[in-house]
Amino acid sequence: MRKERTNIYITERQKKQLEKRSEEEDLPMAEIIRRALDTYLAWDDPAYQPTPSMPQTRKSHSSPG
């Protein structure tokens, strides 16, 4: 599945919750956001089919946290 980079603005509280969930589930924050977005888009559109994602584990990165 091809992924496209985008920037979003989230609150400090949202970031803290995402970081916590990322640690607990051993997933990158981006994967959690993609899953949440798929859920939102399918909410009122039964025809929406998310692209199956490959199982992912969190990868370290060099940007400061």
PDB file of N, CA and C in Angstrom:
ATOM      1  N   MET A   1       0.846  -1.171   0.000  1.00  0.00           N
ATOM      2  CA  MET A   1       0.000   0.000   0.000  1.00  0.00           C
ATOM      3  C   MET A   1       0.892   1.234   0.000  1.00  0.00           C
ATOM      4  N   ARG A   2       0.647   2.111  -0.939  1.00  0.00           N
ATOM      5  CA  ARG A   2       1.390   3.366  -1.027  1.00  0.00           C
ATOM      6  C   ARG A   2       0.866   4.338   0.014  1.00  0.00           C
ATOM      7  N   LYS A   3       1.763   5.001   0.690  1.00  0.00           N
ATOM      8  CA  LYS A   3       1.388   5.985   1.702  1.00  0.00           C
ATOM      9  C   LYS A   3       1.885   7.347   1.262  1.00  0.00           C
ATOM     10  N   GLU A   4       1.107   8.363   1.594  1.00  0.00           N
ATOM     11  CA  GLU A   4       1.480   9.724   1.263  1.00  0.00           C
ATOM     12  C   GLU A   4       1.651  10.517   2.543  1.00  0.00           C
ATOM     13  N   ARG A   5       2.721  11.247   2.625  1.00  0.00           N
ATOM     14  CA  ARG A   5       3.003  12.041   3.819  1.00  0.00           C
ATOM     15  C   ARG A   5       2.108  13.274   3.857  1.00  0.00           C
ATOM     16  N   THR A   6       1.596  13.582   5.041  1.00  0.00           N
ATOM     17  CA  THR A   6       0.817  14.792   5.249  1.00  0.00           C
ATOM     18  C   THR A   6       1.087  15.307   6.655  1.00  0.00           C
ATOM     19  N   ASN A   7       0.833  16.550   6.877  1.00  0.00           N
ATOM     20  CA  ASN A   7       1.001  17.134   8.209  1.00  0.00           C
ATOM     21  C   ASN A   7      -0.361  17.457   8.794  1.00  0.00           C
ATOM     22  N   ILE A   8      -0.517  17.214  10.079  1.00  0.00           N
ATOM     23  CA  ILE A   8      -1.748  17.564  10.774  1.00  0.00           C
ATOM     24  C   ILE A   8      -1.373  18.286  12.060  1.00  0.00           C
ATOM     25  N   TYR A   9      -2.301  19.055  12.554  1.00  0.00           N
ATOM     26  CA  TYR A   9      -2.108  19.734  13.824  1.00  0.00           C
ATOM     27  C   TYR A   9      -3.002  19.059  14.855  1.00  0.00           C
ATOM     28  N   ILE A  10      -2.397  18.659  15.961  1.00  0.00           N
ATOM     29  CA  ILE A  10      -3.152  18.034  17.045  1.00  0.00           C
ATOM     30  C   ILE A  10      -2.821  18.771  18.342  1.00  0.00           C
ATOM     31  N   THR A  11      -3.681  18.593  19.306  1.00  0.00           N
ATOM     32  CA  THR A  11      -3.446  19.238  20.591  1.00  0.00           C
ATOM     33  C   THR A  11      -2.383  18.472  21.371  1.00  0.00           C
ATOM     34  N   GLU A  12      -1.855  19.116  22.379  1.00  0.00           N
ATOM     35  CA  GLU A  12      -0.869  18.460  23.240  1.00  0.00           C
ATOM     36  C   GLU A  12      -1.484  17.225  23.900  1.00  0.00           C
ATOM     37  N   ARG A  13      -2.732  17.359  24.313  1.00  0.00           N
ATOM     38  CA  ARG A  13      -3.426  16.230  24.941  1.00  0.00           C
ATOM     39  C   ARG A  13      -3.560  15.051  23.968  1.00  0.00           C
ATOM     40  N   GLN A  14      -3.934  15.340  22.713  1.00  0.00           N
ATOM     41  CA  GLN A  14      -4.051  14.279  21.716  1.00  0.00           C
ATOM     42  C   GLN A  14      -2.710  13.605  21.486  1.00  0.00           C
ATOM     43  N   LYS A  15      -1.649  14.396  21.423  1.00  0.00           N
ATOM     44  CA  LYS A  15      -0.322  13.821  21.202  1.00  0.00           C
ATOM     45  C   LYS A  15       0.087  12.908  22.352  1.00  0.00           C
ATOM     46  N   LYS A  16      -0.172  13.345  23.573  1.00  0.00           N
ATOM     47  CA  LYS A  16       0.172  12.510  24.726  1.00  0.00           C
ATOM     48  C   LYS A  16      -0.589  11.191  24.701  1.00  0.00           C
ATOM     49  N   GLN A  17      -1.868  11.258  24.354  1.00  0.00           N
ATOM     50  CA  GLN A  17      -2.678  10.034  24.283  1.00  0.00           C
ATOM     51  C   GLN A  17      -2.177   9.122  23.162  1.00  0.00           C
ATOM     52  N   LEU A  18      -1.827   9.710  22.018  1.00  0.00           N
ATOM     53  CA  LEU A  18      -1.285   8.913  20.912  1.00  0.00           C
ATOM     54  C   LEU A  18       0.035   8.261  21.293  1.00  0.00           C
ATOM     55  N   GLU A  19       0.899   9.004  21.952  1.00  0.00           N
ATOM     56  CA  GLU A  19       2.182   8.439  22.383  1.00  0.00           C
ATOM     57  C   GLU A  19       1.969   7.278  23.346  1.00  0.00           C
ATOM     58  N   LYS A  20       1.041   7.453  24.272  1.00  0.00           N
ATOM     59  CA  LYS A  20       0.740   6.396  25.243  1.00  0.00           C
ATOM     60  C   LYS A  20       0.228   5.149  24.528  1.00  0.00           C
ATOM     61  N   ARG A  21      -0.705   5.352  23.616  1.00  0.00           N
ATOM     62  CA  ARG A  21      -1.275   4.211  22.891  1.00  0.00           C
ATOM     63  C   ARG A  21      -0.234   3.555  21.996  1.00  0.00           C
ATOM     64  N   SER A  22       0.618   4.367  21.397  1.00  0.00           N
ATOM     65  CA  SER A  22       1.683   3.860  20.550  1.00  0.00           C
ATOM     66  C   SER A  22       2.601   2.921  21.334  1.00  0.00           C
ATOM     67  N   GLU A  23       2.952   3.333  22.533  1.00  0.00           N
ATOM     68  CA  GLU A  23       3.789   2.491  23.403  1.00  0.00           C
ATOM     69  C   GLU A  23       3.055   1.207  23.793  1.00  0.00           C
ATOM     70  N   GLU A  24       1.812   1.336  24.208  1.00  0.00           N
ATOM     71  CA  GLU A  24       1.041   0.182  24.672  1.00  0.00           C
ATOM     72  C   GLU A  24       0.817  -0.852  23.574  1.00  0.00           C
ATOM     73  N   GLU A  25       0.568  -0.373  22.356  1.00  0.00           N
ATOM     74  CA  GLU A  25       0.244  -1.285  21.252  1.00  0.00           C
ATOM     75  C   GLU A  25       1.447  -1.594  20.371  1.00  0.00           C
ATOM     76  N   ASP A  26       2.593  -0.975  20.677  1.00  0.00           N
ATOM     77  CA  ASP A  26       3.810  -1.159  19.893  1.00  0.00           C
ATOM     78  C   ASP A  26       3.550  -0.879  18.406  1.00  0.00           C
ATOM     79  N   LEU A  27       2.868   0.250  18.157  1.00  0.00           N
ATOM     80  CA  LEU A  27       2.554   0.687  16.803  1.00  0.00           C
ATOM     81  C   LEU A  27       3.002   2.129  16.628  1.00  0.00           C
ATOM     82  N   PRO A  28       3.347   2.501  15.409  1.00  0.00           N
ATOM     83  CA  PRO A  28       3.658   3.908  15.163  1.00  0.00           C
ATOM     84  C   PRO A  28       2.392   4.757  15.317  1.00  0.00           C
ATOM     85  N   MET A  29       2.566   5.998  15.732  1.00  0.00           N
ATOM     86  CA  MET A  29       1.415   6.888  15.861  1.00  0.00           C
ATOM     87  C   MET A  29       0.692   7.025  14.525  1.00  0.00           C
ATOM     88  N   ALA A  30       1.433   7.047  13.425  1.00  0.00           N
ATOM     89  CA  ALA A  30       0.819   7.184  12.106  1.00  0.00           C
ATOM     90  C   ALA A  30      -0.150   6.037  11.817  1.00  0.00           C
ATOM     91  N   GLU A  31       0.191   4.831  12.226  1.00  0.00           N
ATOM     92  CA  GLU A  31      -0.695   3.679  11.997  1.00  0.00           C
ATOM     93  C   GLU A  31      -1.967   3.813  12.817  1.00  0.00           C
ATOM     94  N   ILE A  32      -1.848   4.293  14.032  1.00  0.00           N
ATOM     95  CA  ILE A  32      -3.037   4.497  14.873  1.00  0.00           C
ATOM     96  C   ILE A  32      -3.941   5.551  14.243  1.00  0.00           C
ATOM     97  N   ILE A  33      -3.337   6.625  13.729  1.00  0.00           N
ATOM     98  CA  ILE A  33      -4.118   7.677  13.077  1.00  0.00           C
ATOM     99  C   ILE A  33      -4.789   7.136  11.818  1.00  0.00           C
ATOM    100  N   ARG A  34      -4.071   6.341  11.017  1.00  0.00           N
ATOM    101  CA  ARG A  34      -4.683   5.759   9.807  1.00  0.00           C
ATOM    102  C   ARG A  34      -5.874   4.887  10.164  1.00  0.00           C
ATOM    103  N   ARG A  35      -5.754   4.087  11.195  1.00  0.00           N
ATOM    104  CA  ARG A  35      -6.862   3.220  11.609  1.00  0.00           C
ATOM    105  C   ARG A  35      -8.063   4.036  12.092  1.00  0.00           C
ATOM    106  N   ALA A  36      -7.773   5.099  12.846  1.00  0.00           N
ATOM    107  CA  ALA A  36      -8.856   5.968  13.320  1.00  0.00           C
ATOM    108  C   ALA A  36      -9.544   6.653  12.141  1.00  0.00           C
ATOM    109  N   LEU A  37      -8.765   7.093  11.166  1.00  0.00           N
ATOM    110  CA  LEU A  37      -9.333   7.739   9.991  1.00  0.00           C
ATOM    111  C   LEU A  37     -10.187   6.762   9.187  1.00  0.00           C
ATOM    112  N   ASP A  38      -9.728   5.533   9.031  1.00  0.00           N
ATOM    113  CA  ASP A  38     -10.533   4.517   8.349  1.00  0.00           C
ATOM    114  C   ASP A  38     -11.866   4.307   9.058  1.00  0.00           C
ATOM    115  N   THR A  39     -11.824   4.235  10.366  1.00  0.00           N
ATOM    116  CA  THR A  39     -13.057   4.055  11.140  1.00  0.00           C
ATOM    117  C   THR A  39     -14.005   5.231  10.913  1.00  0.00           C
ATOM    118  N   TYR A  40     -13.470   6.433  10.952  1.00  0.00           N
ATOM    119  CA  TYR A  40     -14.280   7.639  10.730  1.00  0.00           C
ATOM    120  C   TYR A  40     -14.894   7.637   9.332  1.00  0.00           C
ATOM    121  N   LEU A  41     -14.098   7.339   8.325  1.00  0.00           N
ATOM    122  CA  LEU A  41     -14.588   7.376   6.947  1.00  0.00           C
ATOM    123  C   LEU A  41     -15.633   6.295   6.676  1.00  0.00           C
ATOM    124  N   ALA A  42     -15.541   5.166   7.356  1.00  0.00           N
ATOM    125  CA  ALA A  42     -16.510   4.086   7.173  1.00  0.00           C
ATOM    126  C   ALA A  42     -17.779   4.292   8.003  1.00  0.00           C
ATOM    127  N   TRP A  43     -17.751   5.240   8.908  1.00  0.00           N
ATOM    128  CA  TRP A  43     -18.858   5.477   9.848  1.00  0.00           C
ATOM    129  C   TRP A  43     -20.197   5.575   9.137  1.00  0.00           C
ATOM    130  N   ASP A  44     -20.280   6.425   8.118  1.00  0.00           N
ATOM    131  CA  ASP A  44     -21.563   6.620   7.444  1.00  0.00           C
ATOM    132  C   ASP A  44     -21.506   6.245   5.961  1.00  0.00           C
ATOM    133  N   ASP A  45     -20.462   5.551   5.562  1.00  0.00           N
ATOM    134  CA  ASP A  45     -20.328   5.121   4.172  1.00  0.00           C
ATOM    135  C   ASP A  45     -20.030   3.633   4.145  1.00  0.00           C
ATOM    136  N   PRO A  46     -21.086   2.808   4.092  1.00  0.00           N
ATOM    137  CA  PRO A  46     -20.870   1.358   4.117  1.00  0.00           C
ATOM    138  C   PRO A  46     -20.036   0.851   2.929  1.00  0.00           C
ATOM    139  N   ALA A  47     -19.945   1.647   1.865  1.00  0.00           N
ATOM    140  CA  ALA A  47     -19.167   1.232   0.704  1.00  0.00           C
ATOM    141  C   ALA A  47     -17.669   1.467   0.908  1.00  0.00           C
ATOM    142  N   TYR A  48     -17.303   2.247   1.922  1.00  0.00           N
ATOM    143  CA  TYR A  48     -15.886   2.533   2.160  1.00  0.00           C
ATOM    144  C   TYR A  48     -15.180   1.271   2.615  1.00  0.00           C
ATOM    145  N   GLN A  49     -14.114   0.928   1.931  1.00  0.00           N
ATOM    146  CA  GLN A  49     -13.309  -0.234   2.284  1.00  0.00           C
ATOM    147  C   GLN A  49     -11.863   0.210   2.499  1.00  0.00           C
ATOM    148  N   PRO A  50     -11.399   0.167   3.736  1.00  0.00           N
ATOM    149  CA  PRO A  50     -10.005   0.553   3.958  1.00  0.00           C
ATOM    150  C   PRO A  50      -9.064  -0.437   3.284  1.00  0.00           C
ATOM    151  N   THR A  51      -7.945   0.083   2.842  1.00  0.00           N
ATOM    152  CA  THR A  51      -6.917  -0.771   2.273  1.00  0.00           C
ATOM    153  C   THR A  51      -6.292  -1.554   3.412  1.00  0.00           C
ATOM    154  N   PRO A  52      -6.268  -2.872   3.323  1.00  0.00           N
ATOM    155  CA  PRO A  52      -5.651  -3.642   4.411  1.00  0.00           C
ATOM    156  C   PRO A  52      -4.199  -3.228   4.606  1.00  0.00           C
ATOM    157  N   SER A  53      -3.842  -3.006   5.852  1.00  0.00           N
ATOM    158  CA  SER A  53      -2.461  -2.628   6.124  1.00  0.00           C
ATOM    159  C   SER A  53      -1.681  -3.846   6.571  1.00  0.00           C
ATOM    160  N   MET A  54      -0.415  -3.785   6.310  1.00  0.00           N
ATOM    161  CA  MET A  54       0.472  -4.854   6.739  1.00  0.00           C
ATOM    162  C   MET A  54       0.675  -4.715   8.239  1.00  0.00           C
ATOM    163  N   PRO A  55       0.821  -5.813   8.954  1.00  0.00           N
ATOM    164  CA  PRO A  55       1.106  -5.691  10.384  1.00  0.00           C
ATOM    165  C   PRO A  55       2.372  -4.861  10.575  1.00  0.00           C
ATOM    166  N   GLN A  56       2.283  -3.915  11.485  1.00  0.00           N
ATOM    167  CA  GLN A  56       3.397  -3.006  11.693  1.00  0.00           C
ATOM    168  C   GLN A  56       3.798  -2.976  13.143  1.00  0.00           C
ATOM    169  N   THR A  57       5.061  -2.793  13.348  1.00  0.00           N
ATOM    170  CA  THR A  57       5.542  -2.510  14.695  1.00  0.00           C
ATOM    171  C   THR A  57       6.217  -1.160  14.660  1.00  0.00           C
ATOM    172  N   ARG A  58       6.327  -0.563  15.801  1.00  0.00           N
ATOM    173  CA  ARG A  58       6.886   0.764  15.899  1.00  0.00           C
ATOM    174  C   ARG A  58       8.358   0.737  15.538  1.00  0.00           C
ATOM    175  N   LYS A  59       8.770   1.736  14.786  1.00  0.00           N
ATOM    176  CA  LYS A  59      10.178   1.871  14.425  1.00  0.00           C
ATOM    177  C   LYS A  59      10.722   3.106  15.104  1.00  0.00           C
ATOM    178  N   SER A  60      11.956   3.027  15.497  1.00  0.00           N
ATOM    179  CA  SER A  60      12.556   4.201  16.124  1.00  0.00           C
ATOM    180  C   SER A  60      12.763   5.272  15.073  1.00  0.00           C
ATOM    181  N   HIS A  61      12.824   6.502  15.529  1.00  0.00           N
ATOM    182  CA  HIS A  61      13.046   7.609  14.615  1.00  0.00           C
ATOM    183  C   HIS A  61      14.017   8.576  15.253  1.00  0.00           C
ATOM    184  N   SER A  62      14.533   9.471  14.441  1.00  0.00           N
ATOM    185  CA  SER A  62      15.565  10.365  14.953  1.00  0.00           C
ATOM    186  C   SER A  62      15.032  11.724  15.363  1.00  0.00           C
ATOM    187  N   SER A  63      13.759  12.010  15.081  1.00  0.00           N
ATOM    188  CA  SER A  63      13.248  13.324  15.451  1.00  0.00           C
ATOM    189  C   SER A  63      12.970  13.383  16.958  1.00  0.00           C
ATOM    190  N   PRO A  64      13.187  14.538  17.549  1.00  0.00           N
ATOM    191  CA  PRO A  64      12.993  14.650  19.001  1.00  0.00           C
ATOM    192  C   PRO A  64      11.531  14.501  19.394  1.00  0.00           C
ATOM    193  N   GLY A  65      11.301  13.933  20.558  1.00  0.00           N
ATOM    194  CA  GLY A  65       9.950  13.665  21.006  1.00  0.00           C
ATOM    195  C   GLY A  65       9.469  14.671  21.886  1.00  0.00           C
TER     196      GLY A  65
END
